[in-house]
C-alpha atoms as a PDB file:
ATOM      1  CA  HIS A   1      55.774  12.258  75.815  1.00  0.00           C
ATOM      2  CA  LEU A   2      54.416  11.937  78.965  1.00  0.00           C
ATOM      3  CA  SER A   3      54.948   8.834  80.742  1.00  0.00           C
ATOM      4  CA  ILE A   4      51.961   7.126  81.807  1.00  0.00           C
ATOM      5  CA  ARG A   5      53.346   6.191  85.181  1.00  0.00           C
ATOM      6  CA  ARG A   6      53.339   9.815  86.312  1.00  0.00           C
ATOM      7  CA  GLN A   7      52.336  10.237  89.816  1.00  0.00           C
ATOM      8  CA  ARG A   8      50.459  12.868  91.386  1.00  0.00           C
ATOM      9  CA  GLN A   9      50.075  13.619  94.788  1.00  0.00           C
ATOM     10  CA  MET A  10      48.053  16.778  96.143  1.00  0.00           C
ATOM     11  CA  CYS A  11      48.667  17.466  99.859  1.00  0.00           C
ATOM     12  CA  ILE A  12      46.556  19.188 102.094  1.00  0.00           C
ATOM     13  CA  ARG A  13      47.654  21.027 105.234  1.00  0.00           C
ATOM     14  CA  ASP A  14      46.298  22.246 108.526  1.00  0.00           C
ATOM     15  CA  ARG A  15      47.735  25.566 108.028  1.00  0.00           C
ATOM     16  CA  PHE A  16      48.417  28.062 105.079  1.00  0.00           C
ATOM     17  CA  TYR A  17      50.656  26.995 102.465  1.00  0.00           C
ATOM     18  CA  TYR A  18      50.935  27.076  98.643  1.00  0.00           C
ATOM     19  CA  HIS A  19      53.291  24.916  97.142  1.00  0.00           C
ATOM     20  CA  GLY A  20      53.550  23.197  93.699  1.00  0.00           C
ATOM     21  CA  VAL A  21      56.634  21.344  92.007  1.00  0.00           C
ATOM     22  CA  GLU A  22      56.573  19.333  88.537  1.00  0.00           C
ATOM     23  CA  HIS A  23      59.064  16.584  88.221  1.00  0.00           C
ATOM     24  CA  THR A  24      59.245  14.253  84.987  1.00  0.00           C
ATOM     25  CA  TYR A  25      57.599  11.156  87.033  1.00  0.00           C
ATOM     26  CA  SER A  26      55.154  13.031  89.517  1.00  0.00           C
ATOM     27  CA  THR A  27      54.168  16.406  90.667  1.00  0.00           C
ATOM     28  CA  VAL A  28      52.924  17.511  94.255  1.00  0.00           C
ATOM     29  CA  CYS A  29      50.953  20.463  94.968  1.00  0.00           C
ATOM     30  CA  ALA A  30      50.608  21.478  98.443  1.00  0.00           C
ATOM     31  CA  LEU A  31      47.746  23.850  99.777  1.00  0.00           C
ATOM     32  CA  GLY A  32      46.015  24.648 103.242  1.00  0.00           C
ATOM     33  CA  PRO A  33      44.385  25.166 105.491  1.00  0.00           C
ATOM     34  CA  GLY A  34      42.370  22.065 104.538  1.00  0.00           C
ATOM     35  CA  HIS A  35      39.235  23.248 105.790  1.00  0.00           C
ATOM     36  CA  LEU A  36      39.280  25.790 103.105  1.00  0.00           C
ATOM     37  CA  VAL A  37      40.663  24.598 100.175  1.00  0.00           C
ATOM     38  CA  PHE A  38      37.215  23.581  98.318  1.00  0.00           C
ATOM     39  CA  THR A  39      36.189  27.097  99.074  1.00  0.00           C
ATOM     40  CA  GLY A  40      36.021  30.561  97.469  1.00  0.00           C
ATOM     41  CA  THR A  41      39.590  31.916  96.810  1.00  0.00           C
ATOM     42  CA  TYR A  42      41.218  28.628  98.140  1.00  0.00           C
ATOM     43  CA  TYR A  43      39.644  26.356  95.310  1.00  0.00           C
ATOM     44  CA  ASP A  44      40.768  29.373  93.157  1.00  0.00           C
ATOM     45  CA  ASN A  45      44.040  28.527  94.201  1.00  0.00           C
ATOM     46  CA  LEU A  46      44.006  24.968  93.558  1.00  0.00           C
ATOM     47  CA  LEU A  47      43.310  25.477  89.934  1.00  0.00           C
ATOM     48  CA  GLY A  48      45.779  27.986  89.843  1.00  0.00           C
ATOM     49  CA  VAL A  49      48.771  25.792  91.259  1.00  0.00           C
ATOM     50  CA  SER A  50      47.546  22.389  89.244  1.00  0.00           C
ATOM     51  CA  SER A  51      47.062  24.739  85.830  1.00  0.00           C
ATOM     52  CA  HIS A  52      50.607  26.027  86.576  1.00  0.00           C
ATOM     53  CA  GLU A  53      52.613  22.558  87.077  1.00  0.00           C
ATOM     54  CA  LEU A  54      50.477  21.004  84.533  1.00  0.00           C
ATOM     55  CA  PHE A  55      52.305  23.764  82.255  1.00  0.00           C
ATOM     56  CA  HIS A  56      55.562  23.208  83.546  1.00  0.00           C
ATOM     57  CA  ALA A  57      55.639  19.814  81.727  1.00  0.00           C
ATOM     58  CA  TRP A  58      56.292  21.332  78.944  1.00  0.00           C
ATOM     59  CA  ASN A  59      57.581  24.543  79.925  1.00  0.00           C
ATOM     60  CA  VAL A  60      60.673  23.369  81.857  1.00  0.00           C
ATOM     61  CA  LYS A  61      60.339  19.814  81.768  1.00  0.00           C
ATOM     62  CA  THR A  62      60.767  19.469  77.719  1.00  0.00           C
ATOM     63  CA  MET A  63      62.433  22.652  77.077  1.00  0.00           C
ATOM     64  CA  ARG A  64      64.751  24.558  79.212  1.00  0.00           C
ATOM     65  CA  PRO A  65      67.223  27.006  79.339  1.00  0.00           C
ATOM     66  CA  SER A  66      70.563  25.539  77.886  1.00  0.00           C
ATOM     67  CA  GLU A  67      72.426  26.325  81.516  1.00  0.00           C
ATOM     68  CA  MET A  68      69.863  23.312  82.574  1.00  0.00           C
ATOM     69  CA  HIS A  69      70.611  20.753  79.810  1.00  0.00           C
ATOM     70  CA  PRO A  70      71.140  18.172  81.433  1.00  0.00           C
ATOM     71  CA  TYR A  71      70.373  18.835  84.976  1.00  0.00           C
ATOM     72  CA  ASP A  72      72.754  18.539  87.565  1.00  0.00           C
ATOM     73  CA  TYR A  73      70.930  17.805  90.828  1.00  0.00           C
ATOM     74  CA  THR A  74      74.712  18.111  92.623  1.00  0.00           C
ATOM     75  CA  ARG A  75      74.401  22.012  92.603  1.00  0.00           C
ATOM     76  CA  GLU A  76      72.088  25.261  91.581  1.00  0.00           C
ATOM     77  CA  ASN A  77      71.468  25.270  87.768  1.00  0.00           C
ATOM     78  CA  TYR A  78      71.635  29.350  87.266  1.00  0.00           C
ATOM     79  CA  SER A  79      70.018  30.922  84.430  1.00  0.00           C
ATOM     80  CA  ARG A  80      69.011  34.312  83.984  1.00  0.00           C
ATOM     81  CA  LEU A  81      65.919  33.039  81.551  1.00  0.00           C
ATOM     82  CA  GLY A  82      63.501  32.372  84.961  1.00  0.00           C
ATOM     83  CA  TRP A  83      61.398  35.052  83.460  1.00  0.00           C
ATOM     84  CA  ILE A  84      60.398  32.329  80.822  1.00  0.00           C
ATOM     85  CA  TYR A  85      60.234  28.883  82.996  1.00  0.00           C
ATOM     86  CA  GLU A  86      58.179  30.571  85.391  1.00  0.00           C
ATOM     87  CA  GLY A  87      56.750  33.849  84.584  1.00  0.00           C
ATOM     88  CA  ILE A  88      55.424  32.902  81.001  1.00  0.00           C
ATOM     89  CA  THR A  89      54.486  29.452  82.779  1.00  0.00           C
ATOM     90  CA  THR A  90      52.611  31.835  85.071  1.00  0.00           C
ATOM     91  CA  TYR A  91      51.141  33.454  82.465  1.00  0.00           C
ATOM     92  CA  TYR A  92      49.612  30.626  81.073  1.00  0.00           C
ATOM     93  CA  GLY A  93      48.532  28.623  84.088  1.00  0.00           C
ATOM     94  CA  ASP A  94      45.745  31.192  84.312  1.00  0.00           C
ATOM     95  CA  GLN A  95      45.000  31.419  80.607  1.00  0.00           C
ATOM     96  CA  PHE A  96      44.369  27.814  80.626  1.00  0.00           C
ATOM     97  CA  LEU A  97      41.580  28.221  83.006  1.00  0.00           C
ATOM     98  CA  ILE A  98      39.856  30.674  81.137  1.00  0.00           C
ATOM     99  CA  ARG A  99      40.246  29.551  77.643  1.00  0.00           C
ATOM    100  CA  SER A 100      39.250  26.279  79.494  1.00  0.00           C
ATOM    101  CA  GLY A 101      36.272  27.703  81.475  1.00  0.00           C
ATOM    102  CA  SER A 102      37.365  26.501  84.519  1.00  0.00           C
ATOM    103  CA  PHE A 103      37.360  29.975  85.340  1.00  0.00           C
ATOM    104  CA  ASN A 104      34.803  32.817  84.616  1.00  0.00           C
ATOM    105  CA  GLU A 105      35.332  36.445  84.269  1.00  0.00           C
ATOM    106  CA  LYS A 106      35.359  37.110  87.944  1.00  0.00           C
ATOM    107  CA  GLN A 107      38.078  34.600  88.502  1.00  0.00           C
ATOM    108  CA  TYR A 108      40.120  35.570  85.905  1.00  0.00           C
ATOM    109  CA  PHE A 109      39.798  39.236  86.758  1.00  0.00           C
ATOM    110  CA  ASP A 110      40.930  38.327  90.492  1.00  0.00           C
ATOM    111  CA  THR A 111      44.148  37.092  88.844  1.00  0.00           C
ATOM    112  CA  LEU A 112      44.496  39.594  87.154  1.00  0.00           C
ATOM    113  CA  HIS A 113      44.271  42.308  90.154  1.00  0.00           C
ATOM    114  CA  GLU A 114      46.260  39.912  91.959  1.00  0.00           C
ATOM    115  CA  LYS A 115      49.077  40.449  90.005  1.00  0.00           C
ATOM    116  CA  MET A 116      48.838  44.587  88.852  1.00  0.00           C
ATOM    117  CA  GLN A 117      48.915  44.852  93.269  1.00  0.00           C
ATOM    118  CA  ARG A 118      52.221  42.915  93.668  1.00  0.00           C
ATOM    119  CA  HIS A 119      53.726  44.378  90.679  1.00  0.00           C
ATOM    120  CA  PHE A 120      52.761  48.336  91.745  1.00  0.00           C
ATOM    121  CA  ALA A 121      53.394  47.080  95.065  1.00  0.00           C
ATOM    122  CA  SER A 122      56.549  45.905  94.688  1.00  0.00           C
ATOM    123  CA  TYR A 123      59.088  48.802  94.504  1.00  0.00           C
ATOM    124  CA  GLY A 124      62.400  46.229  93.630  1.00  0.00           C
ATOM    125  CA  ARG A 125      60.807  45.918  90.043  1.00  0.00           C
ATOM    126  CA  LEU A 126      62.735  49.354  90.040  1.00  0.00           C
ATOM    127  CA  ASN A 127      65.916  48.225  91.277  1.00  0.00           C
ATOM    128  CA  GLN A 128      66.383  45.051  89.852  1.00  0.00           C
ATOM    129  CA  ALA A 129      65.772  43.274  86.228  1.00  0.00           C
ATOM    130  CA  VAL A 130      63.760  40.032  85.814  1.00  0.00           C
ATOM    131  CA  ALA A 131      66.762  38.425  84.119  1.00  0.00           C
ATOM    132  CA  ASP A 132      69.057  39.148  87.316  1.00  0.00           C
ATOM    133  CA  ALA A 133      66.128  38.045  89.625  1.00  0.00           C
ATOM    134  CA  SER A 134      66.183  34.702  87.464  1.00  0.00           C
ATOM    135  CA  PHE A 135      69.481  34.410  88.347  1.00  0.00           C
ATOM    136  CA  ASP A 136      69.012  35.131  91.980  1.00  0.00           C
ATOM    137  CA  THR A 137      66.435  32.800  92.961  1.00  0.00           C
ATOM    138  CA  TRP A 138      68.695  30.495  92.790  1.00  0.00           C
ATOM    139  CA  LEU A 139      70.316  32.180  95.767  1.00  0.00           C
ATOM    140  CA  ASP A 140      67.439  33.278  98.070  1.00  0.00           C
ATOM    141  CA  GLY A 141      64.794  31.024  96.845  1.00  0.00           C
ATOM    142  CA  TYR A 142      61.512  32.601  98.104  1.00  0.00           C
ATOM    143  CA  VAL A 143      62.656  34.927 101.103  1.00  0.00           C
ATOM    144  CA  PRO A 144      61.833  38.784 100.934  1.00  0.00           C
ATOM    145  CA  GLY A 145      65.707  39.640 101.009  1.00  0.00           C
ATOM    146  CA  ILE A 146      66.643  43.447 101.397  1.00  0.00           C
ATOM    147  CA  PRO A 147      63.297  45.352 100.812  1.00  0.00           C
ATOM    148  CA  HIS A 148      62.628  47.414  97.508  1.00  0.00           C
ATOM    149  CA  ARG A 149      65.955  45.368  95.896  1.00  0.00           C
ATOM    150  CA  LYS A 150      64.512  42.351  94.982  1.00  0.00           C
ATOM    151  CA  THR A 151      61.650  41.563  92.221  1.00  0.00           C
ATOM    152  CA  SER A 152      58.945  38.339  91.180  1.00  0.00           C
ATOM    153  CA  ILE A 153      59.947  35.951  88.066  1.00  0.00           C
ATOM    154  CA  TYR A 154      56.356  34.778  88.553  1.00  0.00           C
ATOM    155  CA  THR A 155      55.089  38.625  88.483  1.00  0.00           C
ATOM    156  CA  GLU A 156      57.055  40.603  86.500  1.00  0.00           C
ATOM    157  CA  GLY A 157      57.778  37.212  84.057  1.00  0.00           C
ATOM    158  CA  SER A 158      53.843  36.815  83.503  1.00  0.00           C
ATOM    159  CA  LEU A 159      53.309  40.617  82.671  1.00  0.00           C
ATOM    160  CA  ILE A 160      56.270  40.804  80.268  1.00  0.00           C
ATOM    161  CA  ALA A 161      54.529  36.929  78.546  1.00  0.00           C
ATOM    162  CA  LEU A 162      51.260  39.067  78.184  1.00  0.00           C
ATOM    163  CA  ILE A 163      52.863  42.363  76.403  1.00  0.00           C
ATOM    164  CA  LEU A 164      54.893  40.067  74.355  1.00  0.00           C
ATOM    165  CA  ASP A 165      51.517  38.011  73.610  1.00  0.00           C
ATOM    166  CA  MET A 166      50.076  41.377  72.560  1.00  0.00           C
ATOM    167  CA  LYS A 167      52.791  42.283  70.141  1.00  0.00           C
ATOM    168  CA  ILE A 168      52.678  39.113  68.354  1.00  0.00           C
ATOM    169  CA  ARG A 169      48.882  39.232  67.807  1.00  0.00           C
ATOM    170  CA  GLU A 170      48.690  43.219  66.987  1.00  0.00           C
ATOM    171  CA  HIS A 171      51.708  42.063  64.327  1.00  0.00           C
ATOM    172  CA  SER A 172      49.869  39.375  62.796  1.00  0.00           C
ATOM    173  CA  ASN A 173      45.656  40.536  63.165  1.00  0.00           C
ATOM    174  CA  ASP A 174      45.004  37.673  65.850  1.00  0.00           C
ATOM    175  CA  LYS A 175      46.214  35.459  63.346  1.00  0.00           C
ATOM    176  CA  LEU A 176      48.907  34.177  65.905  1.00  0.00           C
ATOM    177  CA  SER A 177      49.842  34.487  69.412  1.00  0.00           C
ATOM    178  CA  LEU A 178      52.668  33.462  71.956  1.00  0.00           C
ATOM    179  CA  ASP A 179      51.380  29.893  71.250  1.00  0.00           C
ATOM    180  CA  GLN A 180      53.538  29.785  68.644  1.00  0.00           C
ATOM    181  CA  PHE A 181      56.291  31.132  70.023  1.00  0.00           C
ATOM    182  CA  ILE A 182      55.995  28.229  72.498  1.00  0.00           C
ATOM    183  CA  ARG A 183      55.441  25.462  69.932  1.00  0.00           C
ATOM    184  CA  ASN A 184      58.855  27.242  68.106  1.00  0.00           C
ATOM    185  CA  LEU A 185      60.689  26.589  71.230  1.00  0.00           C
ATOM    186  CA  LEU A 186      59.662  23.607  71.405  1.00  0.00           C
ATOM    187  CA  ASP A 187      60.512  22.368  68.523  1.00  0.00           C
ATOM    188  CA  LYS A 188      63.142  23.766  67.563  1.00  0.00           C
ATOM    189  CA  HIS A 189      65.029  24.571  71.087  1.00  0.00           C
ATOM    190  CA  ALA A 190      64.659  22.226  73.476  1.00  0.00           C
ATOM    191  CA  ALA A 191      67.975  23.989  75.257  1.00  0.00           C
ATOM    192  CA  TYR A 192      67.291  27.478  74.903  1.00  0.00           C
ATOM    193  CA  THR A 193      69.753  30.553  74.946  1.00  0.00           C
ATOM    194  CA  LYS A 194      68.649  34.209  74.928  1.00  0.00           C
ATOM    195  CA  ASN A 195      69.724  34.508  71.471  1.00  0.00           C
ATOM    196  CA  ASP A 196      66.738  31.469  70.501  1.00  0.00           C
ATOM    197  CA  VAL A 197      64.201  33.922  72.495  1.00  0.00           C
ATOM    198  CA  ILE A 198      65.051  36.974  70.731  1.00  0.00           C
ATOM    199  CA  GLU A 199      65.340  35.039  67.380  1.00  0.00           C
ATOM    200  CA  GLU A 200      62.464  33.541  67.632  1.00  0.00           C
ATOM    201  CA  LEU A 201      60.253  36.640  68.699  1.00  0.00           C
ATOM    202  CA  LEU A 202      61.833  38.830  65.316  1.00  0.00           C
ATOM    203  CA  LYS A 203      60.606  35.912  63.240  1.00  0.00           C
ATOM    204  CA  LEU A 204      56.441  36.705  65.004  1.00  0.00           C
ATOM    205  CA  GLY A 205      57.096  39.991  64.510  1.00  0.00           C
ATOM    206  CA  VAL A 206      58.275  41.725  67.345  1.00  0.00           C
ATOM    207  CA  ALA A 207      60.395  43.946  65.382  1.00  0.00           C
ATOM    208  CA  ASP A 208      61.469  45.885  69.012  1.00  0.00           C
ATOM    209  CA  ALA A 209      62.336  41.986  70.335  1.00  0.00           C
ATOM    210  CA  ALA A 210      66.270  42.894  70.993  1.00  0.00           C
ATOM    211  CA  GLU A 211      65.508  46.444  72.317  1.00  0.00           C
ATOM    212  CA  PHE A 212      62.758  45.484  74.362  1.00  0.00           C
ATOM    213  CA  TYR A 213      64.596  42.864  76.101  1.00  0.00           C
ATOM    214  CA  ALA A 214      67.774  45.219  76.961  1.00  0.00           C
ATOM    215  CA  ASN A 215      65.311  47.422  78.235  1.00  0.00           C
ATOM    216  CA  PHE A 216      62.634  45.710  80.095  1.00  0.00           C
ATOM    217  CA  ILE A 217      64.239  42.220  80.658  1.00  0.00           C
ATOM    218  CA  GLU A 218      67.996  42.871  81.716  1.00  0.00           C
ATOM    219  CA  LYS A 219      67.169  46.350  82.728  1.00  0.00           C
ATOM    220  CA  PRO A 220      64.447  47.010  85.337  1.00  0.00           C
ATOM    221  CA  GLY A 221      61.992  48.878  83.096  1.00  0.00           C
ATOM    222  CA  ASN A 222      58.323  50.913  83.352  1.00  0.00           C
ATOM    223  CA  LEU A 223      55.622  48.497  82.039  1.00  0.00           C
ATOM    224  CA  GLU A 224      53.033  50.678  82.933  1.00  0.00           C
ATOM    225  CA  PRO A 225      52.682  52.188  79.409  1.00  0.00           C
ATOM    226  CA  LEU A 226      53.055  49.017  77.554  1.00  0.00           C
ATOM    227  CA  LEU A 227      50.343  47.547  80.148  1.00  0.00           C
ATOM    228  CA  GLN A 228      47.961  50.319  79.669  1.00  0.00           C
ATOM    229  CA  TRP A 229      48.867  49.868  75.661  1.00  0.00           C
ATOM    230  CA  ALA A 230      47.896  45.720  75.512  1.00  0.00           C
ATOM    231  CA  PHE A 231      44.707  46.193  77.454  1.00  0.00           C
ATOM    232  CA  ALA A 232      43.534  48.986  75.782  1.00  0.00           C
ATOM    233  CA  ARG A 233      44.497  46.591  72.957  1.00  0.00           C
ATOM    234  CA  VAL A 234      41.829  44.301  73.753  1.00  0.00           C
ATOM    235  CA  GLY A 235      39.244  46.649  74.775  1.00  0.00           C
ATOM    236  CA  MET A 236      39.976  46.801  78.570  1.00  0.00           C
ATOM    237  CA  LYS A 237      40.671  49.897  81.131  1.00  0.00           C
ATOM    238  CA  MET A 238      43.505  50.089  83.322  1.00  0.00           C
ATOM    239  CA  GLU A 239      43.030  52.550  86.143  1.00  0.00           C
ATOM    240  CA  HIS A 240      44.323  53.752  89.332  1.00  0.00           C
ATOM    241  CA  HIS A 241      43.046  51.629  92.021  1.00  0.00           C
ATOM    242  CA  GLN A 242      43.666  52.214  96.266  1.00  0.00           C
ATOM    243  CA  HIS A 243      43.524  48.875  97.380  1.00  0.00           C
ATOM    244  CA  LEU A 244      44.867  49.616 101.149  1.00  0.00           C
ATOM    245  CA  THR A 245      43.398  51.914 103.664  1.00  0.00           C
ATOM    246  CA  GLU A 246      43.663  56.079 103.128  1.00  0.00           C
ATOM    247  CA  VAL A 247      45.686  55.773 105.922  1.00  0.00           C
ATOM    248  CA  GLU A 248      48.338  53.519 104.297  1.00  0.00           C
ATOM    249  CA  HIS A 249      48.630  55.317 101.369  1.00  0.00           C
ATOM    250  CA  ARG A 250      48.887  58.802 102.757  1.00  0.00           C
ATOM    251  CA  PHE A 251      51.747  57.616 104.994  1.00  0.00           C
ATOM    252  CA  GLY A 252      53.449  54.498 102.567  1.00  0.00           C
ATOM    253  CA  PHE A 253      53.376  51.371 104.909  1.00  0.00           C
ATOM    254  CA  GLN A 254      50.993  48.258 105.017  1.00  0.00           C
ATOM    255  CA  GLN A 255      49.462  46.948 107.935  1.00  0.00           C
ATOM    256  CA  VAL A 256      49.200  43.065 109.007  1.00  0.00           C
ATOM    257  CA  GLU A 257      47.087  41.747 111.244  1.00  0.00           C
ATOM    258  CA  VAL A 258      47.848  39.018 113.504  1.00  0.00           C
ATOM    259  CA  GLY A 259      45.205  37.957 115.956  1.00  0.00           C
ATOM    260  CA  THR A 260      44.611  41.158 118.272  1.00  0.00           C
ATOM    261  CA  THR A 261      48.178  42.651 117.071  1.00  0.00           C
ATOM    262  CA  LEU A 262      48.831  45.122 114.440  1.00  0.00           C
ATOM    263  CA  SER A 263      51.884  45.128 112.757  1.00  0.00           C
ATOM    264  CA  PHE A 264      53.640  46.755 109.722  1.00  0.00           C
ATOM    265  CA  GLY A 265      54.140  44.712 106.799  1.00  0.00           C
ATOM    266  CA  LEU A 266      55.955  46.566 103.850  1.00  0.00           C
ATOM    267  CA  ILE A 267      57.577  50.223 103.988  1.00  0.00           C
ATOM    268  CA  ALA A 268      56.780  52.236 101.106  1.00  0.00           C
ATOM    269  CA  PRO A 269      60.508  53.666 100.113  1.00  0.00           C
ATOM    270  CA  ASN A 270      61.462  57.426 100.491  1.00  0.00           C
ATOM    271  CA  SER A 271      57.810  57.882 102.313  1.00  0.00           C
ATOM    272  CA  PRO A 272      56.877  59.505 105.307  1.00  0.00           C
ATOM    273  CA  ALA A 273      56.710  55.960 107.683  1.00  0.00           C
ATOM    274  CA  GLU A 274      60.058  55.306 105.884  1.00  0.00           C
ATOM    275  CA  LYS A 275      61.797  58.910 107.085  1.00  0.00           C
ATOM    276  CA  ALA A 276      60.056  58.305 110.589  1.00  0.00           C
ATOM    277  CA  GLY A 277      61.990  55.081 111.122  1.00  0.00           C
ATOM    278  CA  LEU A 278      59.363  52.798 110.994  1.00  0.00           C
ATOM    279  CA  ARG A 279      60.533  48.973 110.008  1.00  0.00           C
ATOM    280  CA  MET A 280      58.855  46.078 108.915  1.00  0.00           C
ATOM    281  CA  GLY A 281      57.892  43.880 112.113  1.00  0.00           C
ATOM    282  CA  ASP A 282      57.357  46.526 114.277  1.00  0.00           C
ATOM    283  CA  ILE A 283      54.320  46.126 116.445  1.00  0.00           C
ATOM    284  CA  LEU A 284      51.735  49.132 116.746  1.00  0.00           C
ATOM    285  CA  VAL A 285      50.588  49.972 120.370  1.00  0.00           C
ATOM    286  CA  ALA A 286      48.951  53.239 120.361  1.00  0.00           C
ATOM    287  CA  VAL A 287      48.104  56.063 118.036  1.00  0.00           C
ATOM    288  CA  GLU A 288      48.566  59.858 119.986  1.00  0.00           C
ATOM    289  CA  GLY A 289      49.142  57.824 123.392  1.00  0.00           C
ATOM    290  CA  ILE A 290      45.663  56.081 123.022  1.00  0.00           C
ATOM    291  CA  LYS A 291      45.368  52.046 122.113  1.00  0.00           C
ATOM    292  CA  ALA A 292      45.755  51.171 118.791  1.00  0.00           C
ATOM    293  CA  THR A 293      42.905  49.946 116.521  1.00  0.00           C
ATOM    294  CA  LYS A 294      42.432  48.222 113.485  1.00  0.00           C
ATOM    295  CA  ASN A 295      40.727  50.883 111.826  1.00  0.00           C
ATOM    296  CA  LEU A 296      43.352  53.233 111.482  1.00  0.00           C
ATOM    297  CA  THR A 297      41.392  55.152 108.997  1.00  0.00           C
ATOM    298  CA  ALA A 298      38.865  56.482 112.106  1.00  0.00           C
ATOM    299  CA  GLN A 299      41.394  56.349 114.259  1.00  0.00           C
ATOM    300  CA  ILE A 300      43.946  58.916 112.628  1.00  0.00           C
ATOM    301  CA  GLY A 301      41.119  60.400 110.341  1.00  0.00           C
ATOM    302  CA  GLU A 302      42.679  63.502 108.042  1.00  0.00           C
ATOM    303  CA  LYS A 303      45.912  64.349 110.182  1.00  0.00           C
ATOM    304  CA  THR A 304      49.017  64.792 108.315  1.00  0.00           C
ATOM    305  CA  SER A 305      50.725  64.732 111.409  1.00  0.00           C
ATOM    306  CA  ILE A 306      50.621  61.676 113.914  1.00  0.00           C
ATOM    307  CA  LYS A 307      52.252  60.093 116.523  1.00  0.00           C
ATOM    308  CA  PHE A 308      52.788  56.328 116.777  1.00  0.00           C
ATOM    309  CA  HIS A 309      54.024  54.574 119.946  1.00  0.00           C
ATOM    310  CA  VAL A 310      55.925  50.918 118.731  1.00  0.00           C
ATOM    311  CA  PHE A 311      57.714  48.175 119.543  1.00  0.00           C
ATOM    312  CA  SER A 312      60.790  47.983 117.811  1.00  0.00           C
ATOM    313  CA  ALA A 313      63.397  45.337 118.446  1.00  0.00           C
ATOM    314  CA  GLU A 314      62.177  44.969 121.945  1.00  0.00           C
ATOM    315  CA  LYS A 315      61.970  48.721 122.495  1.00  0.00           C
ATOM    316  CA  LEU A 316      59.101  51.448 122.824  1.00  0.00           C
ATOM    317  CA  LYS A 317      59.329  53.952 120.632  1.00  0.00           C
ATOM    318  CA  GLU A 318      58.038  57.106 119.854  1.00  0.00           C
ATOM    319  CA  ILE A 319      57.986  57.908 116.267  1.00  0.00           C
ATOM    320  CA  GLU A 320      56.212  60.968 114.578  1.00  0.00           C
ATOM    321  CA  LEU A 321      54.968  60.887 110.899  1.00  0.00           C
ATOM    322  CA  GLN A 322      54.254  63.697 108.862  1.00  0.00           C
ATOM    323  CA  SER A 323      52.105  62.907 105.329  1.00  0.00           C
ATOM    324  CA  GLY A 324      52.504  65.179 102.105  1.00  0.00           C
ATOM    325  CA  SER A 325      50.684  64.643  98.976  1.00  0.00           C
ATOM    326  CA  GLU A 326      51.831  61.802  97.225  1.00  0.00           C
ATOM    327  CA  LYS A 327      50.257  58.046  97.738  1.00  0.00           C
ATOM    328  CA  TYR A 328      52.069  54.892  98.063  1.00  0.00           C
ATOM    329  CA  PHE A 329      51.204  51.245  97.049  1.00  0.00           C
ATOM    330  CA  GLU A 330      48.798  52.382  94.453  1.00  0.00           C
ATOM    331  CA  SER A 331      47.330  49.396  92.311  1.00  0.00           C
ATOM    332  CA  ARG A 332      45.474  49.545  89.364  1.00  0.00           C
ATOM    333  CA  GLN A 333      42.185  47.942  88.722  1.00  0.00           C
ATOM    334  CA  LEU A 334      40.991  46.097  85.551  1.00  0.00           C
ATOM    335  CA  SER A 335      37.470  46.590  84.167  1.00  0.00           C
ATOM    336  CA  ILE A 336      36.254  45.549  80.477  1.00  0.00           C
ATOM    337  CA  ASP A 337      35.949  49.377  78.383  1.00  0.00           C
ATOM    338  CA  PRO A 338      32.429  49.701  77.519  1.00  0.00           C
ATOM    339  CA  GLN A 339      33.381  51.622  74.568  1.00  0.00           C
ATOM    340  CA  ALA A 340      35.594  49.729  72.751  1.00  0.00           C
ATOM    341  CA  ASN A 341      34.957  48.936  69.163  1.00  0.00           C
ATOM    342  CA  GLU A 342      34.744  46.161  67.875  1.00  0.00           C
ATOM    343  CA  THR A 343      38.287  45.437  66.976  1.00  0.00           C
ATOM    344  CA  ALA A 344      38.981  45.558  70.299  1.00  0.00           C
ATOM    345  CA  VAL A 345      36.322  43.224  71.276  1.00  0.00           C
ATOM    346  CA  ALA A 346      37.054  40.862  68.921  1.00  0.00           C
ATOM    347  CA  ALA A 347      40.701  40.603  69.702  1.00  0.00           C
ATOM    348  CA  ARG A 348      39.620  40.278  73.405  1.00  0.00           C
ATOM    349  CA  LYS A 349      37.352  37.156  72.227  1.00  0.00           C
ATOM    350  CA  CYS A 350      40.990  36.114  70.462  1.00  0.00           C
ATOM    351  CA  TRP A 351      43.038  36.578  73.523  1.00  0.00           C
ATOM    352  CA  ALA A 352      41.041  34.902  76.038  1.00  0.00           C
ATOM    353  CA  VAL A 353      37.210  33.401  74.580  1.00  0.00           C
ATOM    354  CA  ASN A 354      36.057  33.868  77.848  1.00  0.00           C
ATOM    355  CA  LEU A 355      35.818  37.662  78.287  1.00  0.00           C
END
């Protein structure tokens, strides 16, 4: 039971900020910049973090991994089950917003698109299992870490939750869902283990629960085929999408604009950018001897070979990039399939009533 003495605090900052934390008797959410909080996507973020932290009242405050029973505030509480207490919470934070009508179709799709972009832009998903990421979150928190060696328990955990939800719905003809899994943990396993999780999934008809756990939670598995199946089941299409500029996709880097400065963000592994020696944080000065502009696609055009002048570690360097046929940082775009059959449409209504 939640105490009536609970305290809730919303902290509005003067710069970009996004943070939330749920405690037994208090909740703190911090966002910024203040002048934008109640506009557009910033207000969506406010709703999102509030819904997420509310669900933590059940998922981690009421039930949590056995390693966290009781909490030991003198040290880290290591667990390989963070994908449940953060990933599933992320999934339900969004689900509650669409179910309640707080999010419309566009807002909910925007959250799904954001997760698709984060998932497919993170090459770490191919190198670190979400169970390992759960443990490592207690070691290095939310810092980027070694490029392409780290994955997010929030993003990956929420997508795993979606797949498990669809597996339960498929087996029960939409009479049951991941909701029942959460209820079972609450009722029977306030301090749950990996085996408890697998046992409850098996009871709900996920016949391959142990195999799924081994291949996609304890190993870095490819979720794309399962995501394709999950979205198709509810009459949605998942198609390739290029959300960056053509130049970024072709050479394998993400550009970052800070004022008038153009620098490099993520660099795709084995891409022309990485092979040429570009590093995250390098500042682009010139393209082929001409001052770099923000519109690199117009400046570079269809060239497959290009010379950059960059400041890297306080030194000016000339770097030549040679592109091939491969595209990098491709995401996926979701849409409702107009040709979906009645069964899929009905399943979508059960899954997210306002879609």
